[in-house]
Amino acid sequence: MTTSTALLFADLTGVAVFAASGASAAVAKRLDLFGVVFVGVVAALGGGIFRDLVIDEVPPLAFADWRYAAAAAVTAAAVFWLHPQLARLRTTVLVLDAAGLGLFTVTGTLKALDAHVPAVGACMIGMLTAIGGGLGRDLLTGEIPVVLRREIYALAALAGSILVALLSAYGQAKALPLTVAATFVFVLRLVSLRRRWSAPVATLRPPRTGTRGPQG
């Protein structure tokens, strides 16, 4: 399997798992069939569209290659019809989202590097590619985006992007090492959820209820 073929396969797999994640979240919000498919497509394609626009690949693959939109729509529709068999939707959403995060981190970073974006910029693009779909999904379903919470989400994608950039720099941008990088992001995300790891947040002091006036 060539690198381009492996990249296409990973990209389409990421589209499918993010579509399933978005559709599962929409089903949990009791949206209709159109709403479920729409949220699934946005979750699946949003990050990739951003990536392609930034690296000046126009039109984005989501519009130029019918397989992307088809994979997203078919997966989302399948989740809508099969959701009674998908027990514990919240767990399903989290696992699928973690899988999509890992896959899109790898493909986003690699495509940026292939477009001759410097390593630092490629890592940022890889991270934003990975979190873009989840951001769109959460906004459409009325949730605070995961990337804005205390959870290790964008940081997991950024760590995976750095790993991909290092592998590429040492000539290891092959199927097995890249699979390891995607798995690293997937495991890091799930372990952080399991152990409740979080980024630090600011400590806010309670406002003063009043001040003492001058003594008479």
C-alpha atoms as a PDB file:
ATOM      1  CA  MET A   1       0.000   0.000   0.000  1.00  0.00           C
ATOM      2  CA  THR A   2       1.449   3.375  -1.024  1.00  0.00           C
ATOM      3  CA  THR A   3       1.590   6.340   1.340  1.00  0.00           C
ATOM      4  CA  SER A   4      -1.088   8.224  -0.622  1.00  0.00           C
ATOM      5  CA  THR A   5      -3.421   5.216  -0.539  1.00  0.00           C
ATOM      6  CA  ALA A   6      -2.844   4.731   3.187  1.00  0.00           C
ATOM      7  CA  LEU A   7      -3.491   8.432   3.750  1.00  0.00           C
ATOM      8  CA  LEU A   8      -6.754   8.280   1.792  1.00  0.00           C
ATOM      9  CA  PHE A   9      -7.864   5.197   3.730  1.00  0.00           C
ATOM     10  CA  ALA A  10      -7.052   6.842   7.074  1.00  0.00           C
ATOM     11  CA  ASP A  11      -8.812  10.037   5.985  1.00  0.00           C
ATOM     12  CA  LEU A  12     -11.998   8.199   4.979  1.00  0.00           C
ATOM     13  CA  THR A  13     -11.889   6.127   8.155  1.00  0.00           C
ATOM     14  CA  GLY A  14     -11.612   9.333  10.167  1.00  0.00           C
ATOM     15  CA  VAL A  15     -14.566  10.762   8.240  1.00  0.00           C
ATOM     16  CA  ALA A  16     -16.646   7.690   9.059  1.00  0.00           C
ATOM     17  CA  VAL A  17     -15.851   7.621  12.778  1.00  0.00           C
ATOM     18  CA  PHE A  18     -16.409  11.358  13.219  1.00  0.00           C
ATOM     19  CA  ALA A  19     -19.683  11.059  11.289  1.00  0.00           C
ATOM     20  CA  ALA A  20     -20.720   8.275  13.663  1.00  0.00           C
ATOM     21  CA  SER A  21     -19.683  10.405  16.627  1.00  0.00           C
ATOM     22  CA  GLY A  22     -21.663  13.399  15.398  1.00  0.00           C
ATOM     23  CA  ALA A  23     -24.685  11.284  14.504  1.00  0.00           C
ATOM     24  CA  SER A  24     -24.650   9.558  17.895  1.00  0.00           C
ATOM     25  CA  ALA A  25     -24.588  12.931  19.659  1.00  0.00           C
ATOM     26  CA  ALA A  26     -27.482  14.129  17.462  1.00  0.00           C
ATOM     27  CA  VAL A  27     -29.506  10.980  18.178  1.00  0.00           C
ATOM     28  CA  ALA A  28     -28.968  11.539  21.900  1.00  0.00           C
ATOM     29  CA  LYS A  29     -30.463  15.033  21.402  1.00  0.00           C
ATOM     30  CA  ARG A  30     -33.452  13.436  19.592  1.00  0.00           C
ATOM     31  CA  LEU A  31     -32.919  15.220  16.266  1.00  0.00           C
ATOM     32  CA  ASP A  32     -34.737  13.990  13.161  1.00  0.00           C
ATOM     33  CA  LEU A  33     -33.088  12.076  10.296  1.00  0.00           C
ATOM     34  CA  PHE A  34     -31.992  15.224   8.460  1.00  0.00           C
ATOM     35  CA  GLY A  35     -30.599  16.725  11.660  1.00  0.00           C
ATOM     36  CA  VAL A  36     -28.674  13.570  12.496  1.00  0.00           C
ATOM     37  CA  VAL A  37     -27.150  13.353   9.018  1.00  0.00           C
ATOM     38  CA  PHE A  38     -26.360  17.078   8.951  1.00  0.00           C
ATOM     39  CA  VAL A  39     -24.579  17.001  12.319  1.00  0.00           C
ATOM     40  CA  GLY A  40     -22.731  13.842  11.268  1.00  0.00           C
ATOM     41  CA  VAL A  41     -21.546  15.428   8.012  1.00  0.00           C
ATOM     42  CA  VAL A  42     -20.414  18.630   9.744  1.00  0.00           C
ATOM     43  CA  ALA A  43     -18.541  16.626  12.395  1.00  0.00           C
ATOM     44  CA  ALA A  44     -16.910  14.478   9.724  1.00  0.00           C
ATOM     45  CA  LEU A  45     -15.914  17.117   7.179  1.00  0.00           C
ATOM     46  CA  GLY A  46     -15.461  20.356   9.131  1.00  0.00           C
ATOM     47  CA  GLY A  47     -11.858  19.772  10.167  1.00  0.00           C
ATOM     48  CA  GLY A  48     -10.799  18.532   6.732  1.00  0.00           C
ATOM     49  CA  ILE A  49     -12.341  21.541   4.990  1.00  0.00           C
ATOM     50  CA  PHE A  50     -10.424  23.865   7.302  1.00  0.00           C
ATOM     51  CA  ARG A  51      -7.195  21.960   6.641  1.00  0.00           C
ATOM     52  CA  ASP A  52      -7.548  22.083   2.855  1.00  0.00           C
ATOM     53  CA  LEU A  53      -8.392  25.794   2.821  1.00  0.00           C
ATOM     54  CA  VAL A  54      -5.367  26.613   4.980  1.00  0.00           C
ATOM     55  CA  ILE A  55      -2.937  24.652   2.781  1.00  0.00           C
ATOM     56  CA  ASP A  56      -4.565  26.152  -0.345  1.00  0.00           C
ATOM     57  CA  GLU A  57      -5.962  22.887  -1.670  1.00  0.00           C
ATOM     58  CA  VAL A  58      -9.131  24.104  -3.395  1.00  0.00           C
ATOM     59  CA  PRO A  59     -11.745  22.966  -3.753  1.00  0.00           C
ATOM     60  CA  PRO A  60     -11.446  21.016  -0.476  1.00  0.00           C
ATOM     61  CA  LEU A  61     -11.529  17.235  -0.831  1.00  0.00           C
ATOM     62  CA  ALA A  62     -14.858  17.176   0.976  1.00  0.00           C
ATOM     63  CA  PHE A  63     -16.329  18.905  -2.100  1.00  0.00           C
ATOM     64  CA  ALA A  64     -14.043  17.572  -4.832  1.00  0.00           C
ATOM     65  CA  ASP A  65     -14.190  13.863  -3.955  1.00  0.00           C
ATOM     66  CA  TRP A  66     -17.684  12.413  -3.592  1.00  0.00           C
ATOM     67  CA  ARG A  67     -16.400   9.597  -1.391  1.00  0.00           C
ATOM     68  CA  TYR A  68     -15.944  11.949   1.561  1.00  0.00           C
ATOM     69  CA  ALA A  69     -19.483  13.293   1.634  1.00  0.00           C
ATOM     70  CA  ALA A  70     -20.894   9.857   0.825  1.00  0.00           C
ATOM     71  CA  ALA A  71     -18.959   8.157   3.631  1.00  0.00           C
ATOM     72  CA  ALA A  72     -20.118  10.797   6.116  1.00  0.00           C
ATOM     73  CA  ALA A  73     -23.787  10.755   5.052  1.00  0.00           C
ATOM     74  CA  VAL A  74     -24.100   6.966   4.841  1.00  0.00           C
ATOM     75  CA  THR A  75     -22.426   6.462   8.225  1.00  0.00           C
ATOM     76  CA  ALA A  76     -24.618   9.086   9.900  1.00  0.00           C
ATOM     77  CA  ALA A  77     -27.788   7.590   8.383  1.00  0.00           C
ATOM     78  CA  ALA A  78     -26.721   4.121   9.513  1.00  0.00           C
ATOM     79  CA  VAL A  79     -26.279   5.386  13.079  1.00  0.00           C
ATOM     80  CA  PHE A  80     -29.768   6.917  12.935  1.00  0.00           C
ATOM     81  CA  TRP A  81     -31.376   3.621  11.931  1.00  0.00           C
ATOM     82  CA  LEU A  82     -29.228   1.390  14.114  1.00  0.00           C
ATOM     83  CA  HIS A  83     -29.100   3.512  17.264  1.00  0.00           C
ATOM     84  CA  PRO A  84     -31.386   1.179  19.272  1.00  0.00           C
ATOM     85  CA  GLN A  85     -28.561  -1.370  19.032  1.00  0.00           C
ATOM     86  CA  LEU A  86     -25.964   1.183  20.143  1.00  0.00           C
ATOM     87  CA  ALA A  87     -26.200   0.911  23.894  1.00  0.00           C
ATOM     88  CA  ARG A  88     -24.874   3.686  26.118  1.00  0.00           C
ATOM     89  CA  LEU A  89     -24.655   6.373  23.439  1.00  0.00           C
ATOM     90  CA  ARG A  90     -22.483   8.666  25.532  1.00  0.00           C
ATOM     91  CA  THR A  91     -19.753   6.047  25.784  1.00  0.00           C
ATOM     92  CA  THR A  92     -20.080   5.342  22.058  1.00  0.00           C
ATOM     93  CA  VAL A  93     -19.709   9.039  21.225  1.00  0.00           C
ATOM     94  CA  LEU A  94     -16.603   9.393  23.392  1.00  0.00           C
ATOM     95  CA  VAL A  95     -14.862   6.326  21.947  1.00  0.00           C
ATOM     96  CA  LEU A  96     -15.661   7.255  18.335  1.00  0.00           C
ATOM     97  CA  ASP A  97     -14.596  10.833  18.950  1.00  0.00           C
ATOM     98  CA  ALA A  98     -11.266   9.676  20.379  1.00  0.00           C
ATOM     99  CA  ALA A  99     -10.706   7.451  17.330  1.00  0.00           C
ATOM    100  CA  GLY A 100     -11.519  10.305  14.948  1.00  0.00           C
ATOM    101  CA  LEU A 101      -9.245  12.617  16.911  1.00  0.00           C
ATOM    102  CA  GLY A 102      -6.304  10.264  16.407  1.00  0.00           C
ATOM    103  CA  LEU A 103      -6.934   9.644  12.710  1.00  0.00           C
ATOM    104  CA  PHE A 104      -7.493  13.287  11.793  1.00  0.00           C
ATOM    105  CA  THR A 105      -4.459  14.385  13.804  1.00  0.00           C
ATOM    106  CA  VAL A 106      -2.276  12.127  11.667  1.00  0.00           C
ATOM    107  CA  THR A 107      -3.812  12.948   8.276  1.00  0.00           C
ATOM    108  CA  GLY A 108      -4.023  16.680   8.976  1.00  0.00           C
ATOM    109  CA  THR A 109      -0.386  16.925  10.035  1.00  0.00           C
ATOM    110  CA  LEU A 110       0.848  14.785   7.146  1.00  0.00           C
ATOM    111  CA  LYS A 111      -1.061  16.767   4.523  1.00  0.00           C
ATOM    112  CA  ALA A 112       0.308  20.005   5.924  1.00  0.00           C
ATOM    113  CA  LEU A 113       3.856  18.623   5.813  1.00  0.00           C
ATOM    114  CA  ASP A 114       3.318  17.377   2.256  1.00  0.00           C
ATOM    115  CA  ALA A 115       2.203  20.917   1.345  1.00  0.00           C
ATOM    116  CA  HIS A 116       5.617  22.152   2.621  1.00  0.00           C
ATOM    117  CA  VAL A 117       4.208  23.844   5.699  1.00  0.00           C
ATOM    118  CA  PRO A 118       6.965  24.168   8.349  1.00  0.00           C
ATOM    119  CA  ALA A 119       6.771  21.668  11.186  1.00  0.00           C
ATOM    120  CA  VAL A 120       5.363  24.073  13.780  1.00  0.00           C
ATOM    121  CA  GLY A 121       2.617  25.225  11.435  1.00  0.00           C
ATOM    122  CA  ALA A 122       1.899  21.639  10.380  1.00  0.00           C
ATOM    123  CA  CYS A 123       1.407  20.644  14.018  1.00  0.00           C
ATOM    124  CA  MET A 124      -1.070  23.481  14.510  1.00  0.00           C
ATOM    125  CA  ILE A 125      -2.953  22.503  11.354  1.00  0.00           C
ATOM    126  CA  GLY A 126      -3.014  18.860  12.447  1.00  0.00           C
ATOM    127  CA  MET A 127      -4.452  19.814  15.829  1.00  0.00           C
ATOM    128  CA  LEU A 128      -7.095  22.123  14.324  1.00  0.00           C
ATOM    129  CA  THR A 129      -8.038  19.492  11.743  1.00  0.00           C
ATOM    130  CA  ALA A 130      -8.617  17.012  14.538  1.00  0.00           C
ATOM    131  CA  ILE A 131     -10.680  19.265  16.794  1.00  0.00           C
ATOM    132  CA  GLY A 132     -12.665  21.080  14.081  1.00  0.00           C
ATOM    133  CA  GLY A 133     -15.276  18.371  13.565  1.00  0.00           C
ATOM    134  CA  GLY A 134     -15.932  17.910  17.272  1.00  0.00           C
ATOM    135  CA  LEU A 135     -16.231  21.670  17.685  1.00  0.00           C
ATOM    136  CA  GLY A 136     -18.926  21.833  15.009  1.00  0.00           C
ATOM    137  CA  ARG A 137     -20.752  18.833  16.468  1.00  0.00           C
ATOM    138  CA  ASP A 138     -20.876  20.297  19.962  1.00  0.00           C
ATOM    139  CA  LEU A 139     -22.049  23.708  18.789  1.00  0.00           C
ATOM    140  CA  LEU A 140     -24.843  22.198  16.699  1.00  0.00           C
ATOM    141  CA  THR A 141     -26.038  19.961  19.547  1.00  0.00           C
ATOM    142  CA  GLY A 142     -25.987  22.732  22.135  1.00  0.00           C
ATOM    143  CA  GLU A 143     -22.996  21.505  24.129  1.00  0.00           C
ATOM    144  CA  ILE A 144     -20.012  23.468  25.390  1.00  0.00           C
ATOM    145  CA  PRO A 145     -17.277  22.409  22.929  1.00  0.00           C
ATOM    146  CA  VAL A 146     -14.977  19.770  24.377  1.00  0.00           C
ATOM    147  CA  VAL A 147     -11.959  21.805  23.318  1.00  0.00           C
ATOM    148  CA  LEU A 148     -13.053  24.617  25.680  1.00  0.00           C
ATOM    149  CA  ARG A 149     -13.491  22.368  28.701  1.00  0.00           C
ATOM    150  CA  ARG A 150     -10.866  21.217  31.161  1.00  0.00           C
ATOM    151  CA  GLU A 151     -10.466  17.844  29.442  1.00  0.00           C
ATOM    152  CA  ILE A 152      -7.309  16.749  27.609  1.00  0.00           C
ATOM    153  CA  TYR A 153      -8.575  17.033  24.019  1.00  0.00           C
ATOM    154  CA  ALA A 154      -6.738  19.614  21.927  1.00  0.00           C
ATOM    155  CA  LEU A 155      -3.580  18.836  23.920  1.00  0.00           C
ATOM    156  CA  ALA A 156      -3.843  15.170  22.927  1.00  0.00           C
ATOM    157  CA  ALA A 157      -4.145  16.181  19.271  1.00  0.00           C
ATOM    158  CA  LEU A 158      -1.209  18.578  19.581  1.00  0.00           C
ATOM    159  CA  ALA A 159       0.958  15.861  21.163  1.00  0.00           C
ATOM    160  CA  GLY A 160       0.031  13.496  18.334  1.00  0.00           C
ATOM    161  CA  SER A 161       0.837  16.156  15.723  1.00  0.00           C
ATOM    162  CA  ILE A 162       4.280  16.660  17.238  1.00  0.00           C
ATOM    163  CA  LEU A 163       4.864  12.901  17.164  1.00  0.00           C
ATOM    164  CA  VAL A 164       3.867  12.750  13.473  1.00  0.00           C
ATOM    165  CA  ALA A 165       6.186  15.655  12.643  1.00  0.00           C
ATOM    166  CA  LEU A 166       9.072  13.912  14.420  1.00  0.00           C
ATOM    167  CA  LEU A 167       8.379  10.642  12.603  1.00  0.00           C
ATOM    168  CA  SER A 168       8.317  12.480   9.291  1.00  0.00           C
ATOM    169  CA  ALA A 169      11.572  14.290  10.075  1.00  0.00           C
ATOM    170  CA  TYR A 170      13.278  10.950  10.676  1.00  0.00           C
ATOM    171  CA  GLY A 171      11.816   9.358   7.540  1.00  0.00           C
ATOM    172  CA  GLN A 172       9.338   7.175   9.425  1.00  0.00           C
ATOM    173  CA  ALA A 173       6.111   8.497   7.851  1.00  0.00           C
ATOM    174  CA  LYS A 174       4.974   4.979   7.023  1.00  0.00           C
ATOM    175  CA  ALA A 175       1.793   3.054   7.771  1.00  0.00           C
ATOM    176  CA  LEU A 176       2.917   1.320  10.987  1.00  0.00           C
ATOM    177  CA  PRO A 177       4.525   4.333  12.743  1.00  0.00           C
ATOM    178  CA  LEU A 178       1.596   6.550  11.769  1.00  0.00           C
ATOM    179  CA  THR A 179      -0.828   3.962  13.127  1.00  0.00           C
ATOM    180  CA  VAL A 180       1.124   4.080  16.379  1.00  0.00           C
ATOM    181  CA  ALA A 181       0.784   7.888  16.411  1.00  0.00           C
ATOM    182  CA  ALA A 182      -2.990   7.708  15.874  1.00  0.00           C
ATOM    183  CA  THR A 183      -3.264   5.045  18.575  1.00  0.00           C
ATOM    184  CA  PHE A 184      -1.242   7.233  20.937  1.00  0.00           C
ATOM    185  CA  VAL A 185      -3.748  10.092  20.576  1.00  0.00           C
ATOM    186  CA  PHE A 186      -6.684   7.680  20.941  1.00  0.00           C
ATOM    187  CA  VAL A 187      -5.295   6.092  24.113  1.00  0.00           C
ATOM    188  CA  LEU A 188      -4.208   9.418  25.615  1.00  0.00           C
ATOM    189  CA  ARG A 189      -7.698  10.828  25.136  1.00  0.00           C
ATOM    190  CA  LEU A 190      -9.442   7.810  26.660  1.00  0.00           C
ATOM    191  CA  VAL A 191      -7.003   7.495  29.571  1.00  0.00           C
ATOM    192  CA  SER A 192      -7.405  11.197  30.353  1.00  0.00           C
ATOM    193  CA  LEU A 193     -11.164  10.703  30.468  1.00  0.00           C
ATOM    194  CA  ARG A 194     -10.845   7.616  32.625  1.00  0.00           C
ATOM    195  CA  ARG A 195      -8.470   9.236  35.106  1.00  0.00           C
ATOM    196  CA  ARG A 196     -10.116  12.665  34.884  1.00  0.00           C
ATOM    197  CA  TRP A 197      -6.952  14.445  33.815  1.00  0.00           C
ATOM    198  CA  SER A 198      -7.492  18.082  32.973  1.00  0.00           C
ATOM    199  CA  ALA A 199      -5.667  21.232  32.017  1.00  0.00           C
ATOM    200  CA  PRO A 200      -5.294  23.818  34.787  1.00  0.00           C
ATOM    201  CA  VAL A 201      -8.016  26.419  35.159  1.00  0.00           C
ATOM    202  CA  ALA A 202      -7.973  29.801  36.815  1.00  0.00           C
ATOM    203  CA  THR A 203      -9.069  29.962  40.449  1.00  0.00           C
ATOM    204  CA  LEU A 204     -11.640  32.676  40.914  1.00  0.00           C
ATOM    205  CA  ARG A 205     -11.995  34.361  44.278  1.00  0.00           C
ATOM    206  CA  PRO A 206     -15.563  34.948  45.452  1.00  0.00           C
ATOM    207  CA  PRO A 207     -16.571  38.620  45.231  1.00  0.00           C
ATOM    208  CA  ARG A 208     -16.645  40.599  48.423  1.00  0.00           C
ATOM    209  CA  THR A 209     -20.123  41.023  49.820  1.00  0.00           C
ATOM    210  CA  GLY A 210     -19.471  44.502  51.131  1.00  0.00           C
ATOM    211  CA  THR A 211     -16.952  46.859  52.625  1.00  0.00           C
ATOM    212  CA  ARG A 212     -16.738  48.294  56.051  1.00  0.00           C
ATOM    213  CA  GLY A 213     -17.546  51.979  56.207  1.00  0.00           C
ATOM    214  CA  PRO A 214     -15.793  54.522  58.408  1.00  0.00           C
ATOM    215  CA  GLN A 215     -16.438  54.229  62.108  1.00  0.00           C
ATOM    216  CA  GLY A 216     -18.353  57.126  63.684  1.00  0.00           C
END
